[in-house]
């Protein structure tokens, strides 16, 4: 049974009570909090553990994109599910990059909303088929297919924070080989540094 605090943040007054009712009906053990004030988000996150944030991308005050890193810094384990009314492909990559765990259309069916929230709370991620298609068809995803099995293996180790020498020792290869593989990975993914590699792997793997 799913428990915890779910915080709904939207200035759409018609959406808040509807989503709140659905959440309480589907997950009777959770506590649902809500606000229409952009300024209240960090205040609440600072003083109360939040398991799931339902954030409205179309918030009229704006600034949600820049707020996510602050929320994650305060509560790294908080899951973030974005509510949106417009086209998913406009926002998908940008918001996933800053820490979103998934998207949910305000027009979704009750069953899909239940499924999305359950997936985010239990598995840490939810993506509609449309979003999966966007990612699968993106250029960076196609570039991943160019990596050899060894390159992909080394890439995952580097993203996990394993140093070049430890990678070499664990795979029983020369240090120079690891550095060559790293250069090939960067070249194939068209990136220049480890921090970008981490972002790319976290988003697409």
N, C-alpha and C. Protein backbone atom coordinates (compact mmCIF):
# COMPACT_ATOMS: atom_id res chain seq x y z
N UNK A 1 0.85 -1.20 0.00
CA UNK A 1 0.00 0.00 0.00
C UNK A 1 0.88 1.24 0.00
N UNK A 2 0.61 2.15 -0.92
CA UNK A 2 1.40 3.37 -1.04
C UNK A 2 1.02 4.37 0.06
N UNK A 3 2.05 4.89 0.75
CA UNK A 3 1.83 5.88 1.78
C UNK A 3 2.72 7.09 1.51
N UNK A 4 2.50 8.18 2.26
CA UNK A 4 3.36 9.34 2.14
C UNK A 4 2.58 10.61 1.85
N UNK A 5 3.33 11.68 1.54
CA UNK A 5 2.74 12.98 1.25
C UNK A 5 2.84 13.31 -0.23
N UNK A 6 1.73 13.66 -0.82
CA UNK A 6 1.69 14.10 -2.21
C UNK A 6 1.29 15.57 -2.21
N UNK A 7 2.06 16.39 -2.89
CA UNK A 7 1.85 17.84 -2.92
C UNK A 7 1.48 18.26 -4.34
N UNK A 8 0.27 18.79 -4.49
CA UNK A 8 -0.21 19.26 -5.80
C UNK A 8 0.02 20.76 -5.90
N UNK A 9 0.75 21.18 -6.93
CA UNK A 9 1.05 22.60 -7.11
C UNK A 9 0.56 23.04 -8.48
N UNK A 10 -0.56 23.74 -8.51
CA UNK A 10 -1.10 24.27 -9.75
C UNK A 10 -2.00 25.46 -9.44
N UNK A 11 -1.98 26.45 -10.33
CA UNK A 11 -2.87 27.59 -10.14
C UNK A 11 -4.17 27.40 -10.93
N UNK A 12 -4.37 26.19 -11.44
CA UNK A 12 -5.62 25.83 -12.09
C UNK A 12 -6.60 25.37 -11.01
N UNK A 13 -7.47 26.26 -10.58
CA UNK A 13 -8.35 25.96 -9.45
C UNK A 13 -9.30 24.80 -9.71
N UNK A 14 -9.62 24.57 -10.96
CA UNK A 14 -10.52 23.47 -11.28
C UNK A 14 -9.81 22.12 -11.21
N UNK A 15 -8.50 22.13 -11.40
CA UNK A 15 -7.74 20.87 -11.43
C UNK A 15 -7.44 20.35 -10.03
N UNK A 16 -7.16 21.25 -9.08
CA UNK A 16 -6.71 20.82 -7.75
C UNK A 16 -7.72 19.90 -7.04
N UNK A 17 -8.99 20.31 -6.89
CA UNK A 17 -9.92 19.42 -6.17
C UNK A 17 -10.17 18.11 -6.91
N UNK A 18 -10.16 18.17 -8.24
CA UNK A 18 -10.41 16.94 -9.02
C UNK A 18 -9.29 15.93 -8.83
N UNK A 19 -8.03 16.41 -8.92
CA UNK A 19 -6.88 15.52 -8.76
C UNK A 19 -6.79 15.05 -7.31
N UNK A 20 -7.09 15.93 -6.37
CA UNK A 20 -7.07 15.57 -4.95
C UNK A 20 -8.06 14.45 -4.66
N UNK A 21 -9.26 14.57 -5.18
CA UNK A 21 -10.28 13.54 -4.98
C UNK A 21 -9.83 12.22 -5.56
N UNK A 22 -9.27 12.27 -6.75
CA UNK A 22 -8.82 11.04 -7.41
C UNK A 22 -7.71 10.37 -6.60
N UNK A 23 -6.78 11.19 -6.09
CA UNK A 23 -5.67 10.64 -5.32
C UNK A 23 -6.15 9.98 -4.03
N UNK A 24 -7.04 10.64 -3.33
CA UNK A 24 -7.55 10.10 -2.07
C UNK A 24 -8.36 8.83 -2.31
N UNK A 25 -9.03 8.78 -3.46
CA UNK A 25 -9.82 7.59 -3.80
C UNK A 25 -8.90 6.43 -4.18
N UNK A 26 -7.85 6.73 -4.95
CA UNK A 26 -6.96 5.67 -5.43
C UNK A 26 -5.93 5.26 -4.39
N UNK A 27 -5.49 6.21 -3.57
CA UNK A 27 -4.44 5.94 -2.59
C UNK A 27 -4.90 6.47 -1.23
N UNK A 28 -5.77 5.77 -0.55
CA UNK A 28 -6.36 6.27 0.70
C UNK A 28 -5.35 6.49 1.83
N UNK A 29 -4.17 5.90 1.73
CA UNK A 29 -3.19 6.04 2.81
C UNK A 29 -2.26 7.24 2.63
N UNK A 30 -2.37 7.95 1.50
CA UNK A 30 -1.50 9.11 1.31
C UNK A 30 -2.17 10.37 1.84
N UNK A 31 -1.35 11.35 2.18
CA UNK A 31 -1.85 12.65 2.59
C UNK A 31 -1.65 13.61 1.43
N UNK A 32 -2.73 14.25 1.00
CA UNK A 32 -2.66 15.13 -0.17
C UNK A 32 -2.66 16.59 0.28
N UNK A 33 -1.62 17.32 -0.12
CA UNK A 33 -1.51 18.75 0.15
C UNK A 33 -1.64 19.48 -1.17
N UNK A 34 -2.10 20.72 -1.15
CA UNK A 34 -2.25 21.45 -2.40
C UNK A 34 -2.06 22.94 -2.19
N UNK A 35 -1.62 23.59 -3.26
CA UNK A 35 -1.46 25.03 -3.24
C UNK A 35 -1.55 25.58 -4.66
N UNK A 36 -1.95 26.83 -4.74
CA UNK A 36 -1.95 27.52 -6.02
C UNK A 36 -0.90 28.60 -6.05
N UNK A 37 -0.04 28.60 -5.03
CA UNK A 37 0.98 29.63 -4.89
C UNK A 37 2.37 29.08 -5.21
N UNK A 38 2.99 29.67 -6.19
CA UNK A 38 4.34 29.29 -6.59
C UNK A 38 5.32 29.45 -5.43
N UNK A 39 5.13 30.49 -4.62
CA UNK A 39 6.05 30.81 -3.52
C UNK A 39 5.99 29.79 -2.39
N UNK A 40 4.90 29.03 -2.32
CA UNK A 40 4.72 28.08 -1.22
C UNK A 40 5.50 26.78 -1.43
N UNK A 41 5.99 26.55 -2.64
CA UNK A 41 6.62 25.26 -2.94
C UNK A 41 7.83 25.00 -2.05
N UNK A 42 8.82 25.89 -2.11
CA UNK A 42 10.03 25.67 -1.34
C UNK A 42 9.77 25.75 0.16
N UNK A 43 8.83 26.59 0.57
CA UNK A 43 8.51 26.69 1.99
C UNK A 43 8.06 25.34 2.54
N UNK A 44 7.19 24.67 1.81
CA UNK A 44 6.68 23.39 2.28
C UNK A 44 7.76 22.30 2.21
N UNK A 45 8.53 22.32 1.13
CA UNK A 45 9.57 21.31 0.96
C UNK A 45 10.62 21.43 2.07
N UNK A 46 10.83 22.63 2.56
CA UNK A 46 11.82 22.85 3.63
C UNK A 46 11.36 22.28 4.97
N UNK A 47 10.04 22.21 5.19
CA UNK A 47 9.58 21.82 6.52
C UNK A 47 8.83 20.48 6.57
N UNK A 48 8.55 19.88 5.42
CA UNK A 48 7.80 18.62 5.44
C UNK A 48 8.32 17.67 4.36
N UNK A 49 8.43 16.40 4.73
CA UNK A 49 8.86 15.40 3.75
C UNK A 49 7.79 15.23 2.69
N UNK A 50 8.20 15.37 1.43
CA UNK A 50 7.28 15.22 0.30
C UNK A 50 7.73 14.03 -0.54
N UNK A 51 6.84 13.07 -0.71
CA UNK A 51 7.18 11.88 -1.51
C UNK A 51 6.97 12.11 -2.99
N UNK A 52 5.93 12.89 -3.32
CA UNK A 52 5.64 13.15 -4.72
C UNK A 52 5.12 14.57 -4.89
N UNK A 53 5.72 15.28 -5.86
CA UNK A 53 5.25 16.61 -6.23
C UNK A 53 4.57 16.53 -7.59
N UNK A 54 3.34 16.98 -7.66
CA UNK A 54 2.65 17.11 -8.94
C UNK A 54 2.73 18.59 -9.30
N UNK A 55 3.59 18.93 -10.25
CA UNK A 55 3.84 20.32 -10.59
C UNK A 55 3.26 20.68 -11.95
N UNK A 56 2.58 21.79 -11.99
CA UNK A 56 1.96 22.26 -13.22
C UNK A 56 2.99 23.02 -14.06
N UNK A 57 3.33 22.49 -15.22
CA UNK A 57 4.28 23.16 -16.10
C UNK A 57 3.74 24.51 -16.58
N UNK A 58 2.43 24.58 -16.71
CA UNK A 58 1.81 25.79 -17.25
C UNK A 58 1.51 26.83 -16.18
N UNK A 59 2.21 26.76 -15.05
CA UNK A 59 2.03 27.72 -13.97
C UNK A 59 2.26 29.13 -14.50
N UNK A 60 1.33 30.01 -14.25
CA UNK A 60 1.41 31.35 -14.83
C UNK A 60 2.58 32.16 -14.28
N UNK A 61 3.02 31.86 -13.04
CA UNK A 61 4.15 32.59 -12.48
C UNK A 61 5.47 32.20 -13.14
N UNK A 62 5.49 31.05 -13.80
CA UNK A 62 6.71 30.59 -14.46
C UNK A 62 7.79 30.21 -13.46
N UNK A 63 8.99 29.89 -13.95
CA UNK A 63 10.12 29.61 -13.07
C UNK A 63 10.20 28.19 -12.55
N UNK A 64 9.26 27.32 -12.90
CA UNK A 64 9.28 25.94 -12.41
C UNK A 64 10.58 25.25 -12.82
N UNK A 65 11.01 25.47 -14.04
CA UNK A 65 12.22 24.82 -14.56
C UNK A 65 13.42 25.10 -13.67
N UNK A 66 13.55 26.33 -13.20
CA UNK A 66 14.70 26.71 -12.39
C UNK A 66 14.53 26.32 -10.92
N UNK A 67 13.33 25.93 -10.56
CA UNK A 67 13.05 25.57 -9.18
C UNK A 67 13.41 24.12 -8.87
N UNK A 68 13.38 23.27 -9.87
CA UNK A 68 13.57 21.84 -9.66
C UNK A 68 14.90 21.50 -8.98
N UNK A 69 16.04 22.07 -9.43
CA UNK A 69 17.30 21.75 -8.74
C UNK A 69 17.27 22.11 -7.25
N UNK A 70 16.58 23.19 -6.89
CA UNK A 70 16.48 23.59 -5.48
C UNK A 70 15.68 22.58 -4.69
N UNK A 71 14.60 22.08 -5.30
CA UNK A 71 13.77 21.07 -4.64
C UNK A 71 14.57 19.79 -4.44
N UNK A 72 15.28 19.37 -5.47
CA UNK A 72 16.07 18.14 -5.40
C UNK A 72 17.21 18.26 -4.40
N UNK A 73 17.74 19.47 -4.23
CA UNK A 73 18.81 19.67 -3.26
C UNK A 73 18.29 19.51 -1.84
N UNK A 74 17.07 20.02 -1.61
CA UNK A 74 16.46 19.94 -0.29
C UNK A 74 15.97 18.52 0.02
N UNK A 75 15.37 17.88 -0.99
CA UNK A 75 14.84 16.53 -0.81
C UNK A 75 15.16 15.69 -2.05
N UNK A 76 16.34 15.10 -2.09
CA UNK A 76 16.77 14.33 -3.27
C UNK A 76 15.84 13.19 -3.64
N UNK A 77 15.13 12.62 -2.66
CA UNK A 77 14.29 11.46 -2.93
C UNK A 77 12.88 11.82 -3.39
N UNK A 78 12.56 13.11 -3.38
CA UNK A 78 11.23 13.53 -3.83
C UNK A 78 11.05 13.24 -5.31
N UNK A 79 9.96 12.57 -5.66
CA UNK A 79 9.65 12.32 -7.06
C UNK A 79 8.83 13.49 -7.62
N UNK A 80 9.09 13.83 -8.87
CA UNK A 80 8.42 14.98 -9.48
C UNK A 80 7.70 14.53 -10.75
N UNK A 81 6.39 14.70 -10.74
CA UNK A 81 5.56 14.34 -11.89
C UNK A 81 4.92 15.63 -12.39
N UNK A 82 5.19 15.98 -13.64
CA UNK A 82 4.69 17.23 -14.18
C UNK A 82 3.30 17.07 -14.78
N UNK A 83 2.47 18.05 -14.51
CA UNK A 83 1.15 18.12 -15.12
C UNK A 83 1.22 19.10 -16.27
N UNK A 84 0.69 18.76 -17.40
CA UNK A 84 0.73 19.67 -18.52
C UNK A 84 -0.53 19.56 -19.36
N UNK A 85 -0.83 20.66 -20.02
CA UNK A 85 -2.02 20.70 -20.85
C UNK A 85 -1.67 20.76 -22.32
N UNK A 86 -0.43 21.14 -22.62
CA UNK A 86 -0.03 21.31 -24.01
C UNK A 86 0.65 20.08 -24.58
N UNK A 87 1.40 20.30 -25.67
CA UNK A 87 2.08 19.20 -26.35
C UNK A 87 3.27 18.73 -25.53
N UNK A 88 3.38 17.43 -25.32
CA UNK A 88 4.45 16.87 -24.51
C UNK A 88 5.83 17.11 -25.10
N UNK A 89 5.94 17.05 -26.41
CA UNK A 89 7.26 17.12 -27.02
C UNK A 89 7.92 18.47 -26.88
N UNK A 90 7.18 19.50 -26.55
CA UNK A 90 7.76 20.82 -26.36
C UNK A 90 8.62 20.84 -25.10
N UNK A 91 8.23 20.07 -24.09
CA UNK A 91 8.84 20.16 -22.78
C UNK A 91 9.70 18.96 -22.38
N UNK A 92 9.47 17.83 -22.99
CA UNK A 92 9.98 16.57 -22.49
C UNK A 92 11.46 16.59 -22.09
N UNK A 93 12.34 16.79 -23.04
CA UNK A 93 13.77 16.66 -22.78
C UNK A 93 14.25 17.68 -21.75
N UNK A 94 13.79 18.92 -21.89
CA UNK A 94 14.24 19.99 -20.99
C UNK A 94 13.92 19.68 -19.54
N UNK A 95 12.71 19.24 -19.27
CA UNK A 95 12.31 19.00 -17.88
C UNK A 95 12.88 17.69 -17.33
N UNK A 96 13.02 16.70 -18.16
CA UNK A 96 13.67 15.47 -17.70
C UNK A 96 15.11 15.74 -17.32
N UNK A 97 15.75 16.64 -18.04
CA UNK A 97 17.15 16.97 -17.77
C UNK A 97 17.35 17.59 -16.40
N UNK A 98 16.36 18.33 -15.90
CA UNK A 98 16.53 18.99 -14.61
C UNK A 98 15.95 18.20 -13.45
N UNK A 99 15.47 16.99 -13.71
CA UNK A 99 15.08 16.14 -12.59
C UNK A 99 13.66 15.63 -12.55
N UNK A 100 12.88 15.87 -13.59
CA UNK A 100 11.51 15.34 -13.60
C UNK A 100 11.54 13.82 -13.67
N UNK A 101 10.60 13.19 -12.98
CA UNK A 101 10.48 11.73 -13.02
C UNK A 101 9.41 11.26 -14.00
N UNK A 102 8.65 12.22 -14.54
CA UNK A 102 7.63 11.84 -15.50
C UNK A 102 6.69 12.99 -15.82
N UNK A 103 5.80 12.72 -16.76
CA UNK A 103 4.81 13.69 -17.21
C UNK A 103 3.43 13.08 -17.17
N UNK A 104 2.46 13.94 -16.98
CA UNK A 104 1.08 13.48 -16.97
C UNK A 104 0.19 14.57 -17.53
N UNK A 105 -0.54 14.26 -18.58
CA UNK A 105 -1.46 15.22 -19.16
C UNK A 105 -2.66 15.42 -18.25
N UNK A 106 -3.13 16.67 -18.18
CA UNK A 106 -4.33 16.96 -17.39
C UNK A 106 -5.56 16.29 -18.00
N UNK A 107 -5.42 15.86 -19.23
CA UNK A 107 -6.53 15.22 -19.92
C UNK A 107 -6.48 13.69 -19.79
N UNK A 108 -5.54 13.18 -19.00
CA UNK A 108 -5.39 11.74 -18.84
C UNK A 108 -6.62 11.13 -18.17
N UNK A 109 -6.86 9.88 -18.48
CA UNK A 109 -7.96 9.16 -17.83
C UNK A 109 -7.60 8.90 -16.38
N UNK A 110 -8.59 8.58 -15.55
CA UNK A 110 -8.34 8.28 -14.15
C UNK A 110 -7.42 7.07 -14.00
N UNK A 111 -7.59 6.09 -14.86
CA UNK A 111 -6.74 4.90 -14.79
C UNK A 111 -5.29 5.25 -15.10
N UNK A 112 -5.08 6.13 -16.08
CA UNK A 112 -3.71 6.52 -16.45
C UNK A 112 -3.07 7.33 -15.33
N UNK A 113 -3.85 8.20 -14.68
CA UNK A 113 -3.32 8.99 -13.57
C UNK A 113 -2.89 8.07 -12.43
N UNK A 114 -3.74 7.09 -12.11
CA UNK A 114 -3.39 6.13 -11.06
C UNK A 114 -2.11 5.38 -11.43
N UNK A 115 -2.05 4.94 -12.68
CA UNK A 115 -0.89 4.17 -13.14
C UNK A 115 0.37 5.02 -13.09
N UNK A 116 0.28 6.28 -13.52
CA UNK A 116 1.44 7.18 -13.54
C UNK A 116 1.98 7.42 -12.14
N UNK A 117 1.08 7.73 -11.21
CA UNK A 117 1.49 8.02 -9.84
C UNK A 117 2.08 6.78 -9.18
N UNK A 118 1.45 5.64 -9.39
CA UNK A 118 1.95 4.39 -8.84
C UNK A 118 3.34 4.09 -9.40
N UNK A 119 3.53 4.28 -10.70
CA UNK A 119 4.82 4.00 -11.33
C UNK A 119 5.92 4.90 -10.79
N UNK A 120 5.61 6.19 -10.61
CA UNK A 120 6.61 7.13 -10.12
C UNK A 120 6.99 6.81 -8.67
N UNK A 121 6.00 6.52 -7.84
CA UNK A 121 6.27 6.25 -6.43
C UNK A 121 6.99 4.91 -6.22
N UNK A 122 6.65 3.92 -7.03
CA UNK A 122 7.23 2.59 -6.84
C UNK A 122 8.52 2.41 -7.63
N UNK A 123 8.52 2.85 -8.90
CA UNK A 123 9.67 2.61 -9.78
C UNK A 123 10.51 3.85 -10.05
N UNK A 124 10.00 5.03 -9.67
CA UNK A 124 10.78 6.25 -9.85
C UNK A 124 10.67 6.90 -11.20
N UNK A 125 9.80 6.37 -12.08
CA UNK A 125 9.70 6.95 -13.42
C UNK A 125 8.36 6.62 -14.05
N UNK A 126 7.85 7.56 -14.82
CA UNK A 126 6.68 7.28 -15.64
C UNK A 126 6.77 8.09 -16.93
N UNK A 127 6.57 7.43 -18.03
CA UNK A 127 6.53 8.11 -19.33
C UNK A 127 5.41 7.53 -20.15
N UNK A 128 4.63 8.39 -20.73
CA UNK A 128 3.57 7.93 -21.62
C UNK A 128 4.22 7.36 -22.88
N UNK A 129 3.45 6.63 -23.65
CA UNK A 129 3.97 6.06 -24.88
C UNK A 129 4.44 7.14 -25.83
N UNK A 130 3.74 8.27 -25.81
CA UNK A 130 4.12 9.40 -26.67
C UNK A 130 5.51 9.90 -26.32
N UNK A 131 5.79 10.06 -25.03
CA UNK A 131 7.10 10.53 -24.60
C UNK A 131 8.18 9.51 -24.93
N UNK A 132 7.88 8.24 -24.73
CA UNK A 132 8.85 7.20 -25.08
C UNK A 132 9.19 7.26 -26.56
N UNK A 133 8.18 7.51 -27.37
CA UNK A 133 8.42 7.61 -28.82
C UNK A 133 9.31 8.80 -29.15
N UNK A 134 9.09 9.92 -28.44
CA UNK A 134 9.90 11.12 -28.67
C UNK A 134 11.36 10.83 -28.36
N UNK A 135 11.59 10.19 -27.20
CA UNK A 135 12.96 9.88 -26.80
C UNK A 135 13.60 8.87 -27.74
N UNK A 136 12.84 7.84 -28.09
CA UNK A 136 13.38 6.80 -28.96
C UNK A 136 13.73 7.33 -30.35
N UNK A 137 13.03 8.38 -30.76
CA UNK A 137 13.27 8.94 -32.09
C UNK A 137 14.26 10.10 -32.07
N UNK A 138 14.75 10.45 -30.88
CA UNK A 138 15.64 11.60 -30.78
C UNK A 138 17.03 11.23 -31.30
N UNK A 139 17.79 12.24 -31.69
CA UNK A 139 19.12 12.03 -32.25
C UNK A 139 20.06 11.36 -31.27
N UNK A 140 20.01 11.80 -29.99
CA UNK A 140 20.94 11.26 -29.01
C UNK A 140 20.69 9.79 -28.76
N UNK A 141 19.41 9.37 -28.80
CA UNK A 141 19.12 7.95 -28.60
C UNK A 141 19.71 7.13 -29.74
N UNK A 142 19.61 7.65 -30.95
CA UNK A 142 20.16 6.95 -32.11
C UNK A 142 21.68 6.83 -31.99
N UNK A 143 22.30 7.87 -31.42
CA UNK A 143 23.75 7.83 -31.25
C UNK A 143 24.16 6.73 -30.28
N UNK A 144 23.31 6.46 -29.30
CA UNK A 144 23.62 5.41 -28.35
C UNK A 144 23.77 4.06 -29.04
N UNK A 145 23.01 3.88 -30.11
CA UNK A 145 23.06 2.60 -30.81
C UNK A 145 24.41 2.38 -31.49
N UNK A 146 25.19 3.46 -31.63
CA UNK A 146 26.50 3.34 -32.27
C UNK A 146 27.57 2.81 -31.31
N UNK A 147 27.28 2.87 -30.01
CA UNK A 147 28.26 2.41 -29.04
C UNK A 147 28.38 0.88 -29.07
N UNK A 148 29.62 0.40 -29.01
CA UNK A 148 29.83 -1.04 -28.90
C UNK A 148 29.47 -1.47 -27.49
N UNK A 149 29.34 -2.77 -27.27
CA UNK A 149 29.02 -3.27 -25.93
C UNK A 149 30.07 -2.86 -24.91
N UNK A 150 31.34 -2.89 -25.31
CA UNK A 150 32.42 -2.50 -24.41
C UNK A 150 32.35 -1.00 -24.10
N UNK A 151 32.08 -0.20 -25.12
CA UNK A 151 31.97 1.25 -24.90
C UNK A 151 30.80 1.57 -23.97
N UNK A 152 29.71 0.88 -24.17
CA UNK A 152 28.54 1.11 -23.33
C UNK A 152 28.84 0.71 -21.88
N UNK A 153 29.54 -0.41 -21.73
CA UNK A 153 29.90 -0.90 -20.39
C UNK A 153 30.81 0.10 -19.68
N UNK A 154 31.79 0.61 -20.38
CA UNK A 154 32.71 1.59 -19.79
C UNK A 154 31.99 2.89 -19.49
N UNK A 155 31.10 3.29 -20.39
CA UNK A 155 30.32 4.50 -20.16
C UNK A 155 29.52 4.42 -18.88
N UNK A 156 28.89 3.29 -18.62
CA UNK A 156 28.10 3.12 -17.39
C UNK A 156 28.99 3.19 -16.15
N UNK A 157 30.19 2.61 -16.23
CA UNK A 157 31.11 2.66 -15.10
C UNK A 157 31.56 4.09 -14.82
N UNK A 158 31.85 4.83 -15.87
CA UNK A 158 32.29 6.22 -15.71
C UNK A 158 31.17 7.06 -15.10
N UNK A 159 29.95 6.83 -15.56
CA UNK A 159 28.80 7.57 -15.03
C UNK A 159 28.57 7.25 -13.56
N UNK A 160 28.90 6.03 -13.16
CA UNK A 160 28.74 5.61 -11.76
C UNK A 160 29.82 6.18 -10.86
N UNK A 161 30.78 6.91 -11.45
CA UNK A 161 31.83 7.54 -10.65
C UNK A 161 33.10 6.72 -10.51
N UNK A 162 33.20 5.67 -11.31
CA UNK A 162 34.40 4.82 -11.26
C UNK A 162 35.50 5.50 -12.07
N UNK A 163 36.68 5.64 -11.45
CA UNK A 163 37.80 6.29 -12.12
C UNK A 163 38.39 5.43 -13.23
N UNK A 164 39.17 6.08 -14.10
CA UNK A 164 39.75 5.38 -15.25
C UNK A 164 40.58 4.16 -14.83
N UNK A 165 41.42 4.32 -13.80
CA UNK A 165 42.29 3.22 -13.40
C UNK A 165 41.49 2.04 -12.85
N UNK A 166 40.46 2.36 -12.06
CA UNK A 166 39.63 1.28 -11.50
C UNK A 166 38.88 0.56 -12.62
N UNK A 167 38.42 1.33 -13.62
CA UNK A 167 37.76 0.72 -14.78
C UNK A 167 38.72 -0.24 -15.47
N UNK A 168 39.95 0.23 -15.67
CA UNK A 168 40.97 -0.61 -16.33
C UNK A 168 41.21 -1.89 -15.54
N UNK A 169 41.36 -1.76 -14.22
CA UNK A 169 41.62 -2.94 -13.39
C UNK A 169 40.44 -3.90 -13.37
N UNK A 170 39.23 -3.36 -13.27
CA UNK A 170 38.05 -4.23 -13.18
C UNK A 170 37.77 -4.96 -14.48
N UNK A 171 38.14 -4.34 -15.61
CA UNK A 171 37.89 -4.97 -16.92
C UNK A 171 39.14 -5.66 -17.46
N UNK A 172 40.25 -5.56 -16.67
CA UNK A 172 41.51 -6.19 -17.06
C UNK A 172 41.99 -5.70 -18.43
N UNK A 173 41.97 -4.39 -18.58
CA UNK A 173 42.49 -3.76 -19.80
C UNK A 173 43.45 -2.65 -19.40
N UNK A 174 44.21 -2.13 -20.35
CA UNK A 174 45.19 -1.08 -20.06
C UNK A 174 44.48 0.25 -19.81
N UNK A 175 45.13 1.09 -19.01
CA UNK A 175 44.60 2.42 -18.73
C UNK A 175 44.47 3.23 -20.01
N UNK A 176 45.44 3.08 -20.89
CA UNK A 176 45.40 3.80 -22.17
C UNK A 176 44.19 3.37 -22.99
N UNK A 177 43.80 2.09 -22.86
CA UNK A 177 42.63 1.60 -23.60
C UNK A 177 41.35 2.25 -23.08
N UNK A 178 41.27 2.40 -21.76
CA UNK A 178 40.10 3.05 -21.16
C UNK A 178 39.97 4.47 -21.70
N UNK A 179 41.08 5.18 -21.75
CA UNK A 179 41.06 6.56 -22.24
C UNK A 179 40.69 6.63 -23.71
N UNK A 180 41.13 5.63 -24.47
CA UNK A 180 40.75 5.57 -25.89
C UNK A 180 39.26 5.32 -26.02
N UNK A 181 38.74 4.38 -25.24
CA UNK A 181 37.30 4.11 -25.26
C UNK A 181 36.51 5.35 -24.87
N UNK A 182 36.99 6.07 -23.86
CA UNK A 182 36.29 7.27 -23.41
C UNK A 182 36.21 8.29 -24.56
N UNK A 183 37.31 8.46 -25.27
CA UNK A 183 37.33 9.41 -26.40
C UNK A 183 36.34 8.97 -27.48
N UNK A 184 36.26 7.67 -27.71
CA UNK A 184 35.32 7.15 -28.72
C UNK A 184 33.87 7.40 -28.29
N UNK A 185 33.60 7.19 -26.99
CA UNK A 185 32.25 7.41 -26.46
C UNK A 185 31.86 8.88 -26.64
N UNK A 186 32.77 9.78 -26.25
CA UNK A 186 32.49 11.21 -26.37
C UNK A 186 32.25 11.58 -27.84
N UNK A 187 33.07 11.00 -28.70
CA UNK A 187 32.97 11.32 -30.13
C UNK A 187 31.64 10.83 -30.71
N UNK A 188 31.25 9.60 -30.38
CA UNK A 188 30.02 9.04 -30.93
C UNK A 188 28.77 9.74 -30.40
N UNK A 189 28.83 10.20 -29.14
CA UNK A 189 27.67 10.88 -28.56
C UNK A 189 27.73 12.39 -28.78
N UNK A 190 28.84 12.83 -29.39
CA UNK A 190 29.02 14.26 -29.68
C UNK A 190 28.98 15.10 -28.41
N UNK A 191 29.74 14.67 -27.40
CA UNK A 191 29.84 15.41 -26.16
C UNK A 191 31.31 15.64 -25.83
N UNK A 192 31.57 16.49 -24.82
CA UNK A 192 32.95 16.89 -24.57
C UNK A 192 33.47 16.60 -23.17
N UNK A 193 32.57 16.23 -22.23
CA UNK A 193 33.05 16.05 -20.87
C UNK A 193 32.21 15.02 -20.12
N UNK A 194 32.72 14.62 -18.95
CA UNK A 194 32.08 13.57 -18.15
C UNK A 194 30.73 14.01 -17.60
N UNK A 195 30.61 15.28 -17.21
CA UNK A 195 29.35 15.76 -16.64
C UNK A 195 28.21 15.63 -17.66
N UNK A 196 28.51 15.93 -18.92
CA UNK A 196 27.50 15.78 -19.97
C UNK A 196 27.18 14.31 -20.20
N UNK A 197 28.21 13.46 -20.12
CA UNK A 197 27.98 12.02 -20.28
C UNK A 197 27.03 11.51 -19.19
N UNK A 198 27.22 11.99 -17.97
CA UNK A 198 26.37 11.59 -16.86
C UNK A 198 24.92 12.01 -17.13
N UNK A 199 24.73 13.24 -17.57
CA UNK A 199 23.38 13.74 -17.87
C UNK A 199 22.72 12.89 -18.96
N UNK A 200 23.49 12.60 -20.00
CA UNK A 200 22.95 11.84 -21.13
C UNK A 200 22.57 10.42 -20.71
N UNK A 201 23.44 9.76 -19.95
CA UNK A 201 23.15 8.41 -19.51
C UNK A 201 21.97 8.36 -18.57
N UNK A 202 21.91 9.31 -17.65
CA UNK A 202 20.79 9.34 -16.71
C UNK A 202 19.46 9.56 -17.41
N UNK A 203 19.49 10.26 -18.51
CA UNK A 203 18.27 10.56 -19.24
C UNK A 203 17.83 9.42 -20.15
N UNK A 204 18.78 8.77 -20.80
CA UNK A 204 18.42 7.83 -21.85
C UNK A 204 18.68 6.36 -21.53
N UNK A 205 19.35 6.06 -20.42
CA UNK A 205 19.67 4.66 -20.15
C UNK A 205 18.80 4.15 -19.01
